[in-house]
């Protein structure tokens, strides 16, 4: 019997922002790093839930009491910083799909990044039965609605889902929604837990 496995994207299959990309964003913004990142993340939930990029960066500037000299450059640098995969995890996606597992993706992601992934990573994204993007459903993790929508889209009851996310808050929320959920650490961890959790045929 195959297992229903749902992955977060960033910090699991995709890499989080490289340090150089983070430094580049701070330099483009022209404000101190600590203040920039506080505003960047404080304003992010609305962006993840579907706000347009211009509105997001206007909110960040407003929170900082600043004016950005080149918003298009900030938008471009930000999108590029979130566009890198972990090859080991891409290989695992193919491996699990080949083994007959039903796969889903549940990601907090901004609208501008969706076409980047869909155009550049169609081969492995095509192995997923469902793609649930926060910007397309209007809610982001850890909102319980995100997990319910994800389960509905993959055609499973939450109790049938094994979910991996690198954020402990999101993992707790998934468990409260009825899923089996684990804080992601590695491809090896996923293989072990899937093997232990999958009933023998």
N, C-alpha and C. Protein backbone atom coordinates (compact mmCIF):
# COMPACT_ATOMS: atom_id res chain seq x y z
N UNK A 1 0.85 -1.20 0.00
CA UNK A 1 0.00 0.00 0.00
C UNK A 1 0.89 1.25 0.00
N UNK A 2 0.73 2.10 -1.00
CA UNK A 2 1.55 3.30 -1.10
C UNK A 2 1.13 4.33 -0.08
N UNK A 3 2.06 5.18 0.29
CA UNK A 3 1.80 6.22 1.27
C UNK A 3 1.57 7.54 0.56
N UNK A 4 0.74 8.41 1.16
CA UNK A 4 0.56 9.77 0.68
C UNK A 4 1.59 10.64 1.41
N UNK A 5 2.49 11.24 0.66
CA UNK A 5 3.58 12.02 1.25
C UNK A 5 3.50 13.44 0.72
N UNK A 6 3.48 14.40 1.63
CA UNK A 6 3.43 15.82 1.26
C UNK A 6 4.69 16.50 1.76
N UNK A 7 5.29 17.28 0.88
CA UNK A 7 6.51 18.01 1.21
C UNK A 7 6.26 19.51 1.20
N UNK A 8 6.92 20.19 2.11
CA UNK A 8 7.14 21.63 1.98
C UNK A 8 8.14 21.80 0.84
N UNK A 9 8.24 23.00 0.29
CA UNK A 9 9.21 23.25 -0.77
C UNK A 9 10.52 23.79 -0.21
N UNK A 10 10.47 25.01 0.37
CA UNK A 10 11.70 25.67 0.81
C UNK A 10 12.25 25.07 2.10
N UNK A 11 13.53 24.77 2.08
CA UNK A 11 14.16 24.13 3.22
C UNK A 11 14.02 22.63 3.20
N UNK A 12 13.32 22.11 2.18
CA UNK A 12 13.14 20.67 2.03
C UNK A 12 13.62 20.25 0.63
N UNK A 13 12.85 20.56 -0.39
CA UNK A 13 13.26 20.25 -1.76
C UNK A 13 14.08 21.41 -2.35
N UNK A 14 13.66 22.60 -2.05
CA UNK A 14 14.38 23.78 -2.53
C UNK A 14 15.25 24.33 -1.40
N UNK A 15 16.32 24.95 -1.79
CA UNK A 15 17.23 25.53 -0.80
C UNK A 15 16.69 26.88 -0.32
N UNK A 16 17.00 27.22 0.91
CA UNK A 16 16.69 28.55 1.40
C UNK A 16 17.70 29.55 0.85
N UNK A 17 17.50 30.82 1.11
CA UNK A 17 18.35 31.86 0.52
C UNK A 17 19.83 31.68 0.85
N UNK A 18 20.70 31.68 -0.16
CA UNK A 18 22.14 31.65 0.10
C UNK A 18 22.58 32.93 0.82
N UNK A 19 23.65 32.84 1.58
CA UNK A 19 24.12 34.00 2.34
C UNK A 19 24.48 35.17 1.43
N UNK A 20 25.11 34.88 0.30
CA UNK A 20 25.48 35.97 -0.60
C UNK A 20 24.24 36.68 -1.13
N UNK A 21 23.19 35.93 -1.41
CA UNK A 21 21.95 36.53 -1.89
C UNK A 21 21.33 37.40 -0.81
N UNK A 22 21.43 36.97 0.42
CA UNK A 22 20.91 37.77 1.53
C UNK A 22 21.68 39.09 1.66
N UNK A 23 22.98 38.99 1.52
CA UNK A 23 23.80 40.21 1.59
C UNK A 23 23.47 41.16 0.44
N UNK A 24 23.24 40.59 -0.73
CA UNK A 24 22.90 41.41 -1.90
C UNK A 24 21.59 42.15 -1.68
N UNK A 25 20.61 41.50 -1.08
CA UNK A 25 19.31 42.14 -0.82
C UNK A 25 19.46 43.30 0.15
N UNK A 26 20.23 43.10 1.20
CA UNK A 26 20.45 44.16 2.18
C UNK A 26 21.14 45.35 1.52
N UNK A 27 22.12 45.07 0.67
CA UNK A 27 22.84 46.14 -0.01
C UNK A 27 21.90 46.91 -0.94
N UNK A 28 21.04 46.20 -1.67
CA UNK A 28 20.09 46.87 -2.56
C UNK A 28 19.10 47.72 -1.78
N UNK A 29 18.70 47.22 -0.62
CA UNK A 29 17.72 47.95 0.20
C UNK A 29 18.33 49.21 0.80
N UNK A 30 19.62 49.16 1.11
CA UNK A 30 20.29 50.32 1.67
C UNK A 30 19.93 50.60 3.11
N UNK A 31 19.55 49.56 3.85
CA UNK A 31 19.24 49.71 5.27
C UNK A 31 20.01 48.65 6.05
N UNK A 32 20.03 48.78 7.37
CA UNK A 32 20.76 47.81 8.17
C UNK A 32 20.13 46.42 8.04
N UNK A 33 20.98 45.39 8.10
CA UNK A 33 20.50 44.03 7.93
C UNK A 33 19.44 43.61 8.92
N UNK A 34 19.65 43.91 10.19
CA UNK A 34 18.70 43.49 11.22
C UNK A 34 17.32 44.09 10.98
N UNK A 35 17.28 45.39 10.71
CA UNK A 35 16.01 46.06 10.46
C UNK A 35 15.36 45.54 9.18
N UNK A 36 16.18 45.32 8.15
CA UNK A 36 15.66 44.84 6.88
C UNK A 36 14.97 43.50 7.04
N UNK A 37 15.63 42.55 7.69
CA UNK A 37 15.06 41.21 7.80
C UNK A 37 13.84 41.17 8.69
N UNK A 38 13.81 42.04 9.71
CA UNK A 38 12.59 42.10 10.54
C UNK A 38 11.40 42.51 9.69
N UNK A 39 11.59 43.56 8.88
CA UNK A 39 10.50 44.04 8.02
C UNK A 39 10.19 43.04 6.91
N UNK A 40 11.20 42.45 6.33
CA UNK A 40 11.06 41.48 5.25
C UNK A 40 10.14 40.34 5.67
N UNK A 41 10.40 39.77 6.86
CA UNK A 41 9.61 38.61 7.31
C UNK A 41 8.27 39.03 7.90
N UNK A 42 8.22 40.19 8.54
CA UNK A 42 6.95 40.65 9.12
C UNK A 42 5.90 40.88 8.04
N UNK A 43 6.34 41.32 6.87
CA UNK A 43 5.41 41.61 5.77
C UNK A 43 5.18 40.41 4.86
N UNK A 44 5.91 39.34 5.07
CA UNK A 44 5.88 38.21 4.14
C UNK A 44 4.55 37.44 4.10
N UNK A 45 3.84 37.26 5.23
CA UNK A 45 2.61 36.46 5.16
C UNK A 45 1.61 36.93 4.12
N UNK A 46 1.41 38.23 3.99
CA UNK A 46 0.47 38.73 2.99
C UNK A 46 0.97 38.44 1.58
N UNK A 47 2.26 38.53 1.38
CA UNK A 47 2.88 38.23 0.08
C UNK A 47 2.69 36.75 -0.26
N UNK A 48 2.93 35.89 0.72
CA UNK A 48 2.73 34.45 0.52
C UNK A 48 1.27 34.12 0.21
N UNK A 49 0.36 34.93 0.74
CA UNK A 49 -1.07 34.67 0.55
C UNK A 49 -1.63 35.32 -0.71
N UNK A 50 -0.77 35.92 -1.54
CA UNK A 50 -1.24 36.41 -2.82
C UNK A 50 -1.03 37.88 -3.12
N UNK A 51 -0.49 38.65 -2.16
CA UNK A 51 -0.23 40.07 -2.41
C UNK A 51 0.77 40.22 -3.57
N UNK A 52 0.62 41.27 -4.38
CA UNK A 52 1.55 41.47 -5.49
C UNK A 52 2.89 41.98 -4.97
N UNK A 53 3.93 41.81 -5.78
CA UNK A 53 5.29 42.14 -5.35
C UNK A 53 5.47 43.63 -5.04
N UNK A 54 4.84 44.49 -5.86
CA UNK A 54 4.96 45.93 -5.60
C UNK A 54 4.35 46.28 -4.25
N UNK A 55 3.21 45.69 -3.94
CA UNK A 55 2.56 45.94 -2.65
C UNK A 55 3.40 45.44 -1.49
N UNK A 56 4.03 44.28 -1.69
CA UNK A 56 4.87 43.73 -0.63
C UNK A 56 6.04 44.65 -0.33
N UNK A 57 6.78 45.06 -1.37
CA UNK A 57 7.96 45.89 -1.13
C UNK A 57 7.57 47.28 -0.63
N UNK A 58 6.38 47.76 -0.99
CA UNK A 58 5.90 49.02 -0.44
C UNK A 58 5.65 48.87 1.05
N UNK A 59 5.11 47.70 1.45
CA UNK A 59 4.85 47.45 2.87
C UNK A 59 6.16 47.35 3.65
N UNK A 60 7.17 46.70 3.05
CA UNK A 60 8.48 46.60 3.71
C UNK A 60 9.08 47.98 3.90
N UNK A 61 9.02 48.80 2.85
CA UNK A 61 9.58 50.15 2.93
C UNK A 61 8.86 50.98 3.98
N UNK A 62 7.54 50.84 4.02
CA UNK A 62 6.75 51.59 4.98
C UNK A 62 7.11 51.18 6.41
N UNK A 63 7.29 49.90 6.63
CA UNK A 63 7.64 49.42 7.97
C UNK A 63 9.02 49.93 8.38
N UNK A 64 9.90 50.08 7.40
CA UNK A 64 11.25 50.57 7.68
C UNK A 64 11.33 52.09 7.73
N UNK A 65 10.28 52.75 7.23
CA UNK A 65 10.34 54.21 7.09
C UNK A 65 11.38 54.61 6.07
N UNK A 66 11.47 53.80 5.00
CA UNK A 66 12.52 54.01 4.01
C UNK A 66 11.91 54.13 2.62
N UNK A 67 12.75 54.49 1.67
CA UNK A 67 12.35 54.51 0.26
C UNK A 67 13.42 53.76 -0.52
N UNK A 68 13.03 52.69 -1.22
CA UNK A 68 13.98 51.89 -1.97
C UNK A 68 14.26 52.54 -3.32
N UNK A 69 15.54 52.62 -3.66
CA UNK A 69 15.92 53.28 -4.91
C UNK A 69 15.58 52.46 -6.15
N UNK A 70 15.60 51.13 -6.01
CA UNK A 70 15.39 50.28 -7.19
C UNK A 70 14.56 49.06 -6.80
N UNK A 71 13.24 49.23 -6.77
CA UNK A 71 12.35 48.14 -6.39
C UNK A 71 12.42 46.97 -7.37
N UNK A 72 12.44 47.21 -8.71
CA UNK A 72 12.57 46.07 -9.63
C UNK A 72 13.80 45.22 -9.37
N UNK A 73 14.91 45.85 -8.99
CA UNK A 73 16.12 45.09 -8.69
C UNK A 73 15.93 44.25 -7.43
N UNK A 74 15.23 44.80 -6.43
CA UNK A 74 14.95 44.03 -5.22
C UNK A 74 14.06 42.84 -5.54
N UNK A 75 13.04 43.06 -6.35
CA UNK A 75 12.14 41.98 -6.73
C UNK A 75 12.92 40.87 -7.44
N UNK A 76 13.73 41.25 -8.41
CA UNK A 76 14.50 40.28 -9.18
C UNK A 76 15.48 39.50 -8.29
N UNK A 77 16.19 40.20 -7.42
CA UNK A 77 17.16 39.54 -6.54
C UNK A 77 16.48 38.62 -5.55
N UNK A 78 15.33 39.04 -5.06
CA UNK A 78 14.58 38.22 -4.11
C UNK A 78 14.11 36.93 -4.78
N UNK A 79 13.55 37.03 -5.97
CA UNK A 79 13.06 35.84 -6.67
C UNK A 79 14.21 34.88 -6.98
N UNK A 80 15.34 35.43 -7.42
CA UNK A 80 16.48 34.57 -7.73
C UNK A 80 16.97 33.84 -6.49
N UNK A 81 16.90 34.50 -5.35
CA UNK A 81 17.41 33.90 -4.11
C UNK A 81 16.59 32.69 -3.66
N UNK A 82 15.37 32.57 -4.17
CA UNK A 82 14.48 31.48 -3.78
C UNK A 82 14.27 30.49 -4.93
N UNK A 83 15.24 30.34 -5.80
CA UNK A 83 15.04 29.56 -7.03
C UNK A 83 16.03 28.41 -7.20
N UNK A 84 16.54 27.85 -6.08
CA UNK A 84 17.56 26.81 -6.17
C UNK A 84 17.09 25.53 -5.49
N UNK A 85 17.37 24.38 -6.11
CA UNK A 85 16.93 23.11 -5.56
C UNK A 85 18.07 22.33 -4.93
N UNK A 86 17.69 21.34 -4.13
CA UNK A 86 18.63 20.37 -3.59
C UNK A 86 18.54 19.13 -4.49
N UNK A 87 19.57 18.84 -5.28
CA UNK A 87 19.51 17.71 -6.21
C UNK A 87 19.19 16.38 -5.54
N UNK A 88 19.67 16.19 -4.31
CA UNK A 88 19.39 14.93 -3.61
C UNK A 88 17.90 14.76 -3.34
N UNK A 89 17.23 15.85 -3.06
CA UNK A 89 15.80 15.77 -2.81
C UNK A 89 14.99 15.61 -4.10
N UNK A 90 15.48 16.21 -5.17
CA UNK A 90 14.82 16.00 -6.47
C UNK A 90 14.91 14.52 -6.85
N UNK A 91 16.07 13.92 -6.62
CA UNK A 91 16.23 12.49 -6.90
C UNK A 91 15.29 11.66 -6.05
N UNK A 92 15.10 12.08 -4.80
CA UNK A 92 14.19 11.36 -3.90
C UNK A 92 12.75 11.46 -4.37
N UNK A 93 12.35 12.61 -4.88
CA UNK A 93 11.00 12.77 -5.42
C UNK A 93 10.76 11.74 -6.52
N UNK A 94 11.69 11.61 -7.44
CA UNK A 94 11.55 10.62 -8.51
C UNK A 94 11.51 9.20 -7.94
N UNK A 95 12.35 8.93 -6.96
CA UNK A 95 12.42 7.61 -6.35
C UNK A 95 11.09 7.24 -5.70
N UNK A 96 10.51 8.16 -4.94
CA UNK A 96 9.25 7.88 -4.25
C UNK A 96 8.10 7.73 -5.25
N UNK A 97 8.09 8.58 -6.27
CA UNK A 97 7.04 8.47 -7.28
C UNK A 97 7.15 7.15 -8.03
N UNK A 98 8.36 6.73 -8.36
CA UNK A 98 8.57 5.46 -9.05
C UNK A 98 8.12 4.28 -8.20
N UNK A 99 8.21 4.44 -6.87
CA UNK A 99 7.80 3.38 -5.95
C UNK A 99 6.28 3.35 -5.75
N UNK A 100 5.58 4.31 -6.36
CA UNK A 100 4.12 4.29 -6.29
C UNK A 100 3.50 5.15 -5.22
N UNK A 101 4.32 5.93 -4.53
CA UNK A 101 3.77 6.82 -3.51
C UNK A 101 3.08 8.02 -4.17
N UNK A 102 1.99 8.45 -3.57
CA UNK A 102 1.29 9.63 -4.05
C UNK A 102 1.91 10.84 -3.37
N UNK A 103 2.36 11.82 -4.15
CA UNK A 103 3.11 12.95 -3.61
C UNK A 103 2.33 14.25 -3.76
N UNK A 104 2.47 15.10 -2.74
CA UNK A 104 1.88 16.43 -2.78
C UNK A 104 2.89 17.45 -2.31
N UNK A 105 2.67 18.68 -2.71
CA UNK A 105 3.52 19.79 -2.30
C UNK A 105 2.65 20.84 -1.63
N UNK A 106 3.07 21.32 -0.47
CA UNK A 106 2.37 22.39 0.24
C UNK A 106 3.40 23.44 0.60
N UNK A 107 3.34 24.57 -0.11
CA UNK A 107 4.40 25.57 0.04
C UNK A 107 3.85 26.97 0.25
N UNK A 108 4.47 27.68 1.18
CA UNK A 108 4.27 29.13 1.27
C UNK A 108 5.17 29.75 0.22
N UNK A 109 4.56 30.32 -0.81
CA UNK A 109 5.33 30.82 -1.94
C UNK A 109 4.60 32.01 -2.55
N UNK A 110 5.36 32.97 -3.04
CA UNK A 110 4.76 34.16 -3.63
C UNK A 110 4.39 33.89 -5.08
N UNK A 111 3.40 34.61 -5.58
CA UNK A 111 2.89 34.37 -6.93
C UNK A 111 3.97 34.48 -8.00
N UNK A 112 4.87 35.44 -7.86
CA UNK A 112 5.89 35.65 -8.88
C UNK A 112 6.85 34.47 -9.01
N UNK A 113 6.96 33.65 -7.96
CA UNK A 113 7.87 32.52 -8.01
C UNK A 113 7.25 31.28 -8.66
N UNK A 114 5.94 31.19 -8.68
CA UNK A 114 5.29 29.99 -9.21
C UNK A 114 5.70 29.72 -10.66
N UNK A 115 5.63 30.71 -11.57
CA UNK A 115 6.06 30.42 -12.94
C UNK A 115 7.55 30.09 -13.06
N UNK A 116 8.36 30.61 -12.15
CA UNK A 116 9.79 30.27 -12.15
C UNK A 116 9.96 28.77 -11.95
N UNK A 117 9.22 28.23 -10.98
CA UNK A 117 9.31 26.80 -10.70
C UNK A 117 8.63 25.97 -11.77
N UNK A 118 7.47 26.40 -12.22
CA UNK A 118 6.72 25.63 -13.20
C UNK A 118 7.45 25.55 -14.54
N UNK A 119 8.15 26.59 -14.92
CA UNK A 119 8.86 26.58 -16.20
C UNK A 119 10.22 25.91 -16.12
N UNK A 120 10.90 26.09 -14.99
CA UNK A 120 12.25 25.57 -14.87
C UNK A 120 12.38 24.20 -14.24
N UNK A 121 11.30 23.72 -13.61
CA UNK A 121 11.39 22.46 -12.86
C UNK A 121 10.20 21.56 -13.14
N UNK A 122 9.67 21.64 -14.36
CA UNK A 122 8.45 20.91 -14.69
C UNK A 122 8.62 19.39 -14.59
N UNK A 123 9.83 18.91 -14.88
CA UNK A 123 10.03 17.46 -14.91
C UNK A 123 9.75 16.82 -13.56
N UNK A 124 10.36 17.36 -12.51
CA UNK A 124 10.12 16.72 -11.21
C UNK A 124 8.84 17.20 -10.56
N UNK A 125 8.42 18.43 -10.83
CA UNK A 125 7.12 18.87 -10.29
C UNK A 125 5.99 18.02 -10.86
N UNK A 126 6.19 17.50 -12.07
CA UNK A 126 5.18 16.66 -12.68
C UNK A 126 4.99 15.32 -11.99
N UNK A 127 5.88 14.97 -11.08
CA UNK A 127 5.72 13.73 -10.32
C UNK A 127 4.75 13.88 -9.16
N UNK A 128 4.34 15.11 -8.87
CA UNK A 128 3.41 15.36 -7.77
C UNK A 128 1.97 15.26 -8.25
N UNK A 129 1.14 14.64 -7.43
CA UNK A 129 -0.29 14.54 -7.73
C UNK A 129 -0.99 15.87 -7.55
N UNK A 130 -0.48 16.69 -6.63
CA UNK A 130 -1.08 18.01 -6.40
C UNK A 130 -0.02 18.99 -5.93
N UNK A 131 -0.19 20.23 -6.35
CA UNK A 131 0.67 21.34 -5.93
C UNK A 131 -0.20 22.37 -5.25
N UNK A 132 0.02 22.58 -3.97
CA UNK A 132 -0.78 23.54 -3.22
C UNK A 132 0.11 24.71 -2.83
N UNK A 133 -0.09 25.84 -3.49
CA UNK A 133 0.71 27.03 -3.26
C UNK A 133 -0.11 28.05 -2.48
N UNK A 134 0.48 28.60 -1.43
CA UNK A 134 -0.24 29.54 -0.56
C UNK A 134 -0.81 30.71 -1.34
N UNK A 135 -0.03 31.23 -2.30
CA UNK A 135 -0.49 32.40 -3.05
C UNK A 135 -1.72 32.11 -3.90
N UNK A 136 -1.93 30.82 -4.22
CA UNK A 136 -3.06 30.45 -5.07
C UNK A 136 -4.30 30.10 -4.26
N UNK A 137 -4.13 29.78 -2.98
CA UNK A 137 -5.28 29.42 -2.14
C UNK A 137 -5.65 30.52 -1.14
N UNK A 138 -4.81 31.55 -1.04
CA UNK A 138 -5.13 32.70 -0.20
C UNK A 138 -4.85 32.53 1.27
N UNK A 139 -4.23 31.43 1.66
CA UNK A 139 -3.83 31.21 3.06
C UNK A 139 -2.47 30.54 3.08
N UNK A 140 -1.71 30.77 4.13
CA UNK A 140 -0.37 30.20 4.24
C UNK A 140 -0.24 29.41 5.52
N UNK A 141 0.64 28.41 5.50
CA UNK A 141 0.97 27.70 6.74
C UNK A 141 1.48 28.70 7.77
N UNK A 142 1.14 28.53 9.03
CA UNK A 142 0.49 27.38 9.66
C UNK A 142 -1.04 27.48 9.77
N UNK A 143 -1.69 28.27 8.96
CA UNK A 143 -3.15 28.33 8.98
C UNK A 143 -3.70 26.93 8.73
N UNK A 144 -4.57 26.43 9.59
CA UNK A 144 -5.08 25.06 9.43
C UNK A 144 -5.79 24.83 8.10
N UNK A 145 -6.33 25.89 7.51
CA UNK A 145 -7.01 25.73 6.23
C UNK A 145 -6.06 25.26 5.15
N UNK A 146 -4.80 25.66 5.22
CA UNK A 146 -3.82 25.25 4.21
C UNK A 146 -3.68 23.73 4.17
N UNK A 147 -3.65 23.10 5.33
CA UNK A 147 -3.48 21.65 5.40
C UNK A 147 -4.74 20.94 4.91
N UNK A 148 -5.90 21.48 5.26
CA UNK A 148 -7.15 20.87 4.81
C UNK A 148 -7.26 20.93 3.29
N UNK A 149 -6.94 22.09 2.73
CA UNK A 149 -7.00 22.25 1.28
C UNK A 149 -6.02 21.31 0.59
N UNK A 150 -4.82 21.20 1.13
CA UNK A 150 -3.82 20.32 0.57
C UNK A 150 -4.31 18.88 0.54
N UNK A 151 -4.86 18.41 1.66
CA UNK A 151 -5.36 17.03 1.73
C UNK A 151 -6.50 16.81 0.74
N UNK A 152 -7.40 17.78 0.64
CA UNK A 152 -8.51 17.67 -0.30
C UNK A 152 -8.00 17.56 -1.73
N UNK A 153 -7.00 18.37 -2.05
CA UNK A 153 -6.48 18.39 -3.43
C UNK A 153 -5.77 17.11 -3.81
N UNK A 154 -5.16 16.46 -2.84
CA UNK A 154 -4.48 15.21 -3.15
C UNK A 154 -5.42 14.02 -3.03
N UNK A 155 -6.64 14.29 -2.56
CA UNK A 155 -7.65 13.23 -2.46
C UNK A 155 -7.43 12.28 -1.31
N UNK A 156 -7.00 12.82 -0.18
CA UNK A 156 -6.71 11.98 0.98
C UNK A 156 -7.28 12.61 2.24
N UNK A 157 -7.55 11.77 3.22
CA UNK A 157 -7.88 12.27 4.54
C UNK A 157 -6.57 12.70 5.21
N UNK A 158 -6.59 13.77 6.02
CA UNK A 158 -5.34 14.19 6.67
C UNK A 158 -4.61 13.07 7.40
N UNK A 159 -5.34 12.13 7.99
CA UNK A 159 -4.67 11.06 8.75
C UNK A 159 -3.87 10.13 7.85
N UNK A 160 -4.10 10.19 6.55
CA UNK A 160 -3.36 9.35 5.61
C UNK A 160 -2.04 9.99 5.17
N UNK A 161 -1.83 11.26 5.52
CA UNK A 161 -0.71 12.03 4.99
C UNK A 161 0.49 12.01 5.92
N UNK A 162 1.66 11.80 5.34
CA UNK A 162 2.94 11.98 6.03
C UNK A 162 3.54 13.26 5.48
N UNK A 163 3.74 14.25 6.34
CA UNK A 163 4.13 15.59 5.92
C UNK A 163 5.51 15.95 6.45
N UNK A 164 6.33 16.58 5.59
CA UNK A 164 7.67 17.02 5.98
C UNK A 164 7.81 18.52 5.75
N UNK A 165 8.29 19.22 6.77
CA UNK A 165 8.52 20.66 6.69
C UNK A 165 9.73 20.98 7.56
N UNK A 166 10.50 21.99 7.18
CA UNK A 166 11.67 22.35 7.99
C UNK A 166 11.33 23.27 9.15
N UNK A 167 10.08 23.72 9.21
CA UNK A 167 9.64 24.67 10.24
C UNK A 167 8.81 23.94 11.29
N UNK A 168 9.27 23.96 12.54
CA UNK A 168 8.58 23.21 13.59
C UNK A 168 7.16 23.71 13.82
N UNK A 169 6.94 25.02 13.67
CA UNK A 169 5.59 25.56 13.84
C UNK A 169 4.64 24.96 12.80
N UNK A 170 5.10 24.85 11.57
CA UNK A 170 4.29 24.26 10.52
C UNK A 170 4.03 22.78 10.76
N UNK A 171 5.01 22.10 11.31
CA UNK A 171 4.87 20.68 11.62
C UNK A 171 3.82 20.49 12.72
N UNK A 172 3.88 21.30 13.75
CA UNK A 172 2.88 21.20 14.82
C UNK A 172 1.47 21.45 14.27
N UNK A 173 1.35 22.44 13.40
CA UNK A 173 0.04 22.75 12.82
C UNK A 173 -0.46 21.59 11.97
N UNK A 174 0.43 20.94 11.26
CA UNK A 174 0.04 19.78 10.45
C UNK A 174 -0.47 18.65 11.34
N UNK A 175 0.20 18.44 12.45
CA UNK A 175 -0.25 17.40 13.38
C UNK A 175 -1.61 17.74 13.96
N UNK A 176 -1.83 19.01 14.27
CA UNK A 176 -3.13 19.43 14.79
C UNK A 176 -4.23 19.24 13.75
N UNK A 177 -3.83 19.31 12.46
CA UNK A 177 -4.78 19.09 11.38
C UNK A 177 -5.04 17.61 11.12
N UNK A 178 -4.31 16.74 11.81
CA UNK A 178 -4.53 15.31 11.70
C UNK A 178 -3.47 14.55 10.93
N UNK A 179 -2.48 15.25 10.36
CA UNK A 179 -1.44 14.59 9.60
C UNK A 179 -0.36 14.02 10.52
N UNK A 180 0.34 13.00 10.04
CA UNK A 180 1.61 12.62 10.64
C UNK A 180 2.64 13.57 10.06
N UNK A 181 3.40 14.25 10.90
CA UNK A 181 4.30 15.29 10.40
C UNK A 181 5.62 15.24 11.13
N UNK A 182 6.69 15.52 10.39
CA UNK A 182 8.04 15.50 10.93
C UNK A 182 8.82 16.72 10.48
N UNK A 183 9.69 17.20 11.35
CA UNK A 183 10.61 18.27 10.97
C UNK A 183 11.68 17.65 10.06
N UNK A 184 11.78 18.18 8.86
CA UNK A 184 12.69 17.61 7.86
C UNK A 184 14.15 17.84 8.25
N UNK A 185 14.97 16.79 8.05
CA UNK A 185 16.41 16.92 8.27
C UNK A 185 17.23 16.48 7.07
N UNK A 186 16.77 15.45 6.36
CA UNK A 186 17.57 14.94 5.24
C UNK A 186 16.76 13.98 4.39
N UNK A 187 17.29 13.70 3.20
CA UNK A 187 16.66 12.70 2.34
C UNK A 187 16.67 11.33 3.01
N UNK A 188 17.74 11.03 3.72
CA UNK A 188 17.83 9.76 4.42
C UNK A 188 16.74 9.60 5.48
N UNK A 189 16.45 10.69 6.18
CA UNK A 189 15.38 10.65 7.18
C UNK A 189 14.05 10.32 6.51
N UNK A 190 13.78 10.95 5.36
CA UNK A 190 12.53 10.69 4.65
C UNK A 190 12.44 9.23 4.24
N UNK A 191 13.50 8.69 3.66
CA UNK A 191 13.50 7.29 3.24
C UNK A 191 13.21 6.37 4.43
N UNK A 192 13.85 6.62 5.54
CA UNK A 192 13.66 5.76 6.72
C UNK A 192 12.23 5.82 7.23
N UNK A 193 11.69 7.03 7.35
CA UNK A 193 10.34 7.17 7.90
C UNK A 193 9.28 6.63 6.94
N UNK A 194 9.49 6.83 5.66
CA UNK A 194 8.54 6.28 4.68
C UNK A 194 8.57 4.76 4.74
N UNK A 195 9.76 4.19 4.83
CA UNK A 195 9.90 2.74 4.91
C UNK A 195 9.22 2.20 6.17
N UNK A 196 9.44 2.88 7.30
CA UNK A 196 8.84 2.42 8.55
C UNK A 196 7.33 2.59 8.57
N UNK A 197 6.84 3.61 7.85
CA UNK A 197 5.43 3.98 7.94
C UNK A 197 4.58 3.34 6.86
N UNK A 198 5.20 2.69 5.87
CA UNK A 198 4.45 2.10 4.77
C UNK A 198 4.15 0.64 5.06
N UNK A 199 2.89 0.25 5.13
CA UNK A 199 2.54 -1.15 5.38
C UNK A 199 3.09 -2.05 4.28
N UNK A 200 3.46 -3.25 4.64
CA UNK A 200 3.93 -4.22 3.66
C UNK A 200 2.80 -4.60 2.71
N UNK A 201 3.16 -4.88 1.46
CA UNK A 201 2.14 -5.27 0.50
C UNK A 201 1.69 -6.70 0.79
